[in-house]
Amino acid sequence: MWRYRLDHSFHHGSTHLAGVTYRNDWIDIRHGSIVIQPGYAWDGCSPAWRLPGGLWLGTPDGPLGIDGRPLTYHASLVHDALCQFKAEIPIRQRATVQVFAELLQLAGFPPWRVWLYATTVAKLGPQRFAGD
């Protein structure tokens, strides 16, 4: 079940995406940049479960930013997209965690929380990617 749905395309450039080329209907990665298409849906930070009444239980998506979205919004978007197609995208697991951490930093997450979330994703998130 998804929690968020992208209403416009999202673009992010990162040195951690350098050398990765991949394209499908939802994502386009090339020249060190990823573009995710509108309509892509994801569940935010995992694990999380939707309870009756619309409440969510699990990893917090963090405080809201100035745009009204959780600070993890774009980091979880990109990481979930990379994980969804991990068997096809020639990227290493470590690079996906680094992009996740980079986006948390850009969103204004405090350094200790970036470390906590990125370390948790590295240890408990998907481990086998096509580039590993």
C-alpha atoms as a PDB file:
ATOM      1  CA  MET A   1       0.000   0.000   0.000  1.00  0.00           C
ATOM      2  CA  TRP A   2       1.342   3.415  -0.883  1.00  0.00           C
ATOM      3  CA  ARG A   3       1.291   6.499   1.270  1.00  0.00           C
ATOM      4  CA  TYR A   4       2.447   9.190  -1.146  1.00  0.00           C
ATOM      5  CA  ARG A   5       1.917   9.844  -4.836  1.00  0.00           C
ATOM      6  CA  LEU A   6       4.151  12.199  -6.798  1.00  0.00           C
ATOM      7  CA  ASP A   7       2.182  15.016  -8.422  1.00  0.00           C
ATOM      8  CA  HIS A   8       5.011  16.356 -10.592  1.00  0.00           C
ATOM      9  CA  SER A   9       8.317  14.982 -11.817  1.00  0.00           C
ATOM     10  CA  PHE A  10      11.200  14.995  -9.375  1.00  0.00           C
ATOM     11  CA  HIS A  11      14.828  15.487 -10.408  1.00  0.00           C
ATOM     12  CA  HIS A  12      17.956  14.968  -8.348  1.00  0.00           C
ATOM     13  CA  GLY A  13      21.590  15.004  -9.411  1.00  0.00           C
ATOM     14  CA  SER A  14      24.183  13.140  -7.375  1.00  0.00           C
ATOM     15  CA  THR A  15      27.773  11.984  -7.759  1.00  0.00           C
ATOM     16  CA  HIS A  16      26.530   8.663  -6.312  1.00  0.00           C
ATOM     17  CA  LEU A  17      24.518   8.135  -9.503  1.00  0.00           C
ATOM     18  CA  ALA A  18      27.476   8.733 -11.824  1.00  0.00           C
ATOM     19  CA  GLY A  19      27.917   5.916 -14.302  1.00  0.00           C
ATOM     20  CA  VAL A  20      24.417   4.514 -13.726  1.00  0.00           C
ATOM     21  CA  THR A  21      22.139   4.340 -16.747  1.00  0.00           C
ATOM     22  CA  TYR A  22      18.603   2.974 -16.527  1.00  0.00           C
ATOM     23  CA  ARG A  23      15.180   3.885 -17.856  1.00  0.00           C
ATOM     24  CA  ASN A  24      11.639   2.598 -17.529  1.00  0.00           C
ATOM     25  CA  ASP A  25       8.168   4.167 -17.407  1.00  0.00           C
ATOM     26  CA  TRP A  26       8.752   5.600 -13.917  1.00  0.00           C
ATOM     27  CA  ILE A  27      12.406   6.519 -13.615  1.00  0.00           C
ATOM     28  CA  ASP A  28      15.216   7.741 -15.827  1.00  0.00           C
ATOM     29  CA  ILE A  29      18.796   7.665 -14.554  1.00  0.00           C
ATOM     30  CA  ARG A  30      21.671   9.012 -16.621  1.00  0.00           C
ATOM     31  CA  HIS A  31      24.551  11.468 -16.421  1.00  0.00           C
ATOM     32  CA  GLY A  32      24.460  11.378 -12.612  1.00  0.00           C
ATOM     33  CA  SER A  33      20.788  12.361 -12.350  1.00  0.00           C
ATOM     34  CA  ILE A  34      17.523  10.623 -11.604  1.00  0.00           C
ATOM     35  CA  VAL A  35      14.099  11.790 -12.769  1.00  0.00           C
ATOM     36  CA  ILE A  36      10.995  10.181 -11.284  1.00  0.00           C
ATOM     37  CA  GLN A  37       7.736  10.629 -13.181  1.00  0.00           C
ATOM     38  CA  PRO A  38       4.439  11.997 -11.821  1.00  0.00           C
ATOM     39  CA  GLY A  39       2.087   9.321 -10.548  1.00  0.00           C
ATOM     40  CA  TYR A  40       4.827   7.252  -8.928  1.00  0.00           C
ATOM     41  CA  ALA A  41       3.580   6.043  -5.531  1.00  0.00           C
ATOM     42  CA  TRP A  42       5.559   4.838  -2.512  1.00  0.00           C
ATOM     43  CA  ASP A  43       5.114   4.127   1.189  1.00  0.00           C
ATOM     44  CA  GLY A  44       7.568   6.612   2.711  1.00  0.00           C
ATOM     45  CA  CYS A  45       9.996   5.394   5.341  1.00  0.00           C
ATOM     46  CA  SER A  46       9.650   1.698   6.023  1.00  0.00           C
ATOM     47  CA  PRO A  47       8.556  -0.325   7.763  1.00  0.00           C
ATOM     48  CA  ALA A  48       5.171   1.286   8.214  1.00  0.00           C
ATOM     49  CA  TRP A  49       1.662  -0.090   8.436  1.00  0.00           C
ATOM     50  CA  ARG A  50      -1.669   1.606   7.889  1.00  0.00           C
ATOM     51  CA  LEU A  51      -4.036   1.042  10.787  1.00  0.00           C
ATOM     52  CA  PRO A  52      -7.820   1.316  10.723  1.00  0.00           C
ATOM     53  CA  GLY A  53      -8.847   4.942  10.734  1.00  0.00           C
ATOM     54  CA  GLY A  54      -5.980   6.019   8.478  1.00  0.00           C
ATOM     55  CA  LEU A  55      -3.266   6.112  11.136  1.00  0.00           C
ATOM     56  CA  TRP A  56       0.232   4.907  10.294  1.00  0.00           C
ATOM     57  CA  LEU A  57       2.474   2.954  12.639  1.00  0.00           C
ATOM     58  CA  GLY A  58       6.169   2.512  11.973  1.00  0.00           C
ATOM     59  CA  THR A  59       9.212   4.556  11.077  1.00  0.00           C
ATOM     60  CA  PRO A  60       8.419   8.282  11.368  1.00  0.00           C
ATOM     61  CA  ASP A  61       8.705  10.304   8.174  1.00  0.00           C
ATOM     62  CA  GLY A  62      10.015  13.164  10.261  1.00  0.00           C
ATOM     63  CA  PRO A  63       8.792  16.685  10.911  1.00  0.00           C
ATOM     64  CA  LEU A  64       7.116  18.681   8.159  1.00  0.00           C
ATOM     65  CA  GLY A  65       9.208  20.967   6.004  1.00  0.00           C
ATOM     66  CA  ILE A  66       8.271  24.408   4.733  1.00  0.00           C
ATOM     67  CA  ASP A  67       6.432  22.758   1.815  1.00  0.00           C
ATOM     68  CA  GLY A  68       4.156  20.868   4.243  1.00  0.00           C
ATOM     69  CA  ARG A  69       5.698  17.503   3.387  1.00  0.00           C
ATOM     70  CA  PRO A  70       7.732  15.329   5.735  1.00  0.00           C
ATOM     71  CA  LEU A  71      11.467  15.986   5.557  1.00  0.00           C
ATOM     72  CA  THR A  72      11.978  12.392   4.374  1.00  0.00           C
ATOM     73  CA  TYR A  73       9.587  12.835   1.417  1.00  0.00           C
ATOM     74  CA  HIS A  74      12.136  13.054  -1.415  1.00  0.00           C
ATOM     75  CA  ALA A  75      14.722  10.800   0.238  1.00  0.00           C
ATOM     76  CA  SER A  76      12.176   8.004   0.665  1.00  0.00           C
ATOM     77  CA  LEU A  77      10.832   8.628  -2.856  1.00  0.00           C
ATOM     78  CA  VAL A  78      14.207   8.120  -4.509  1.00  0.00           C
ATOM     79  CA  HIS A  79      15.260   5.251  -2.260  1.00  0.00           C
ATOM     80  CA  ASP A  80      11.964   3.402  -2.770  1.00  0.00           C
ATOM     81  CA  ALA A  81      12.177   3.843  -6.549  1.00  0.00           C
ATOM     82  CA  LEU A  82      15.756   2.530  -6.575  1.00  0.00           C
ATOM     83  CA  CYS A  83      14.739  -0.399  -4.363  1.00  0.00           C
ATOM     84  CA  GLN A  84      11.673  -1.260  -6.435  1.00  0.00           C
ATOM     85  CA  PHE A  85      13.849  -1.793  -9.517  1.00  0.00           C
ATOM     86  CA  LYS A  86      16.991  -2.973  -7.672  1.00  0.00           C
ATOM     87  CA  ALA A  87      17.249  -6.152  -9.739  1.00  0.00           C
ATOM     88  CA  GLU A  88      17.413  -4.093 -12.937  1.00  0.00           C
ATOM     89  CA  ILE A  89      19.303  -0.912 -12.065  1.00  0.00           C
ATOM     90  CA  PRO A  90      23.104  -1.283 -12.183  1.00  0.00           C
ATOM     91  CA  ILE A  91      23.637   0.493  -8.864  1.00  0.00           C
ATOM     92  CA  ARG A  92      25.261  -0.619  -5.630  1.00  0.00           C
ATOM     93  CA  GLN A  93      23.312  -0.799  -2.379  1.00  0.00           C
ATOM     94  CA  ARG A  94      25.796   1.568  -0.773  1.00  0.00           C
ATOM     95  CA  ALA A  95      25.126   4.234  -3.428  1.00  0.00           C
ATOM     96  CA  THR A  96      21.367   4.063  -2.769  1.00  0.00           C
ATOM     97  CA  VAL A  97      21.999   4.695   0.942  1.00  0.00           C
ATOM     98  CA  GLN A  98      24.334   7.594   0.120  1.00  0.00           C
ATOM     99  CA  VAL A  99      21.716   9.230  -2.115  1.00  0.00           C
ATOM    100  CA  PHE A 100      19.128   8.705   0.646  1.00  0.00           C
ATOM    101  CA  ALA A 101      21.420  10.403   3.200  1.00  0.00           C
ATOM    102  CA  GLU A 102      22.236  13.214   0.766  1.00  0.00           C
ATOM    103  CA  LEU A 103      18.540  13.995   0.271  1.00  0.00           C
ATOM    104  CA  LEU A 104      17.907  13.925   4.031  1.00  0.00           C
ATOM    105  CA  GLN A 105      20.722  16.454   4.484  1.00  0.00           C
ATOM    106  CA  LEU A 106      19.325  18.688   1.747  1.00  0.00           C
ATOM    107  CA  ALA A 107      15.911  18.563   3.442  1.00  0.00           C
ATOM    108  CA  GLY A 108      17.417  19.858   6.674  1.00  0.00           C
ATOM    109  CA  PHE A 109      17.519  16.694   8.778  1.00  0.00           C
ATOM    110  CA  PRO A 110      19.907  17.138  11.716  1.00  0.00           C
ATOM    111  CA  PRO A 111      23.198  15.242  11.223  1.00  0.00           C
ATOM    112  CA  TRP A 112      22.474  12.754  14.026  1.00  0.00           C
ATOM    113  CA  ARG A 113      19.116  11.866  12.450  1.00  0.00           C
ATOM    114  CA  VAL A 114      20.663  11.535   8.964  1.00  0.00           C
ATOM    115  CA  TRP A 115      23.170   9.109  10.469  1.00  0.00           C
ATOM    116  CA  LEU A 116      20.417   7.151  12.287  1.00  0.00           C
ATOM    117  CA  TYR A 117      18.126   6.821   9.261  1.00  0.00           C
ATOM    118  CA  ALA A 118      20.924   6.087   6.776  1.00  0.00           C
ATOM    119  CA  THR A 119      22.524   3.496   9.063  1.00  0.00           C
ATOM    120  CA  THR A 120      19.161   1.808   9.596  1.00  0.00           C
ATOM    121  CA  VAL A 121      18.484   1.731   5.845  1.00  0.00           C
ATOM    122  CA  ALA A 122      21.975   0.336   5.209  1.00  0.00           C
ATOM    123  CA  LYS A 123      21.561  -2.438   7.780  1.00  0.00           C
ATOM    124  CA  LEU A 124      17.862  -3.308   7.502  1.00  0.00           C
ATOM    125  CA  GLY A 125      16.916  -2.201   3.983  1.00  0.00           C
ATOM    126  CA  PRO A 126      17.283  -4.211   0.790  1.00  0.00           C
ATOM    127  CA  GLN A 127      20.779  -5.646   0.460  1.00  0.00           C
ATOM    128  CA  ARG A 128      21.169  -7.079  -3.028  1.00  0.00           C
ATOM    129  CA  PHE A 129      21.184  -4.669  -5.928  1.00  0.00           C
ATOM    130  CA  ALA A 130      22.103  -5.398  -9.543  1.00  0.00           C
ATOM    131  CA  GLY A 131      25.331  -3.404  -9.192  1.00  0.00           C
ATOM    132  CA  ASP A 132      26.600  -5.351  -6.167  1.00  0.00           C
END
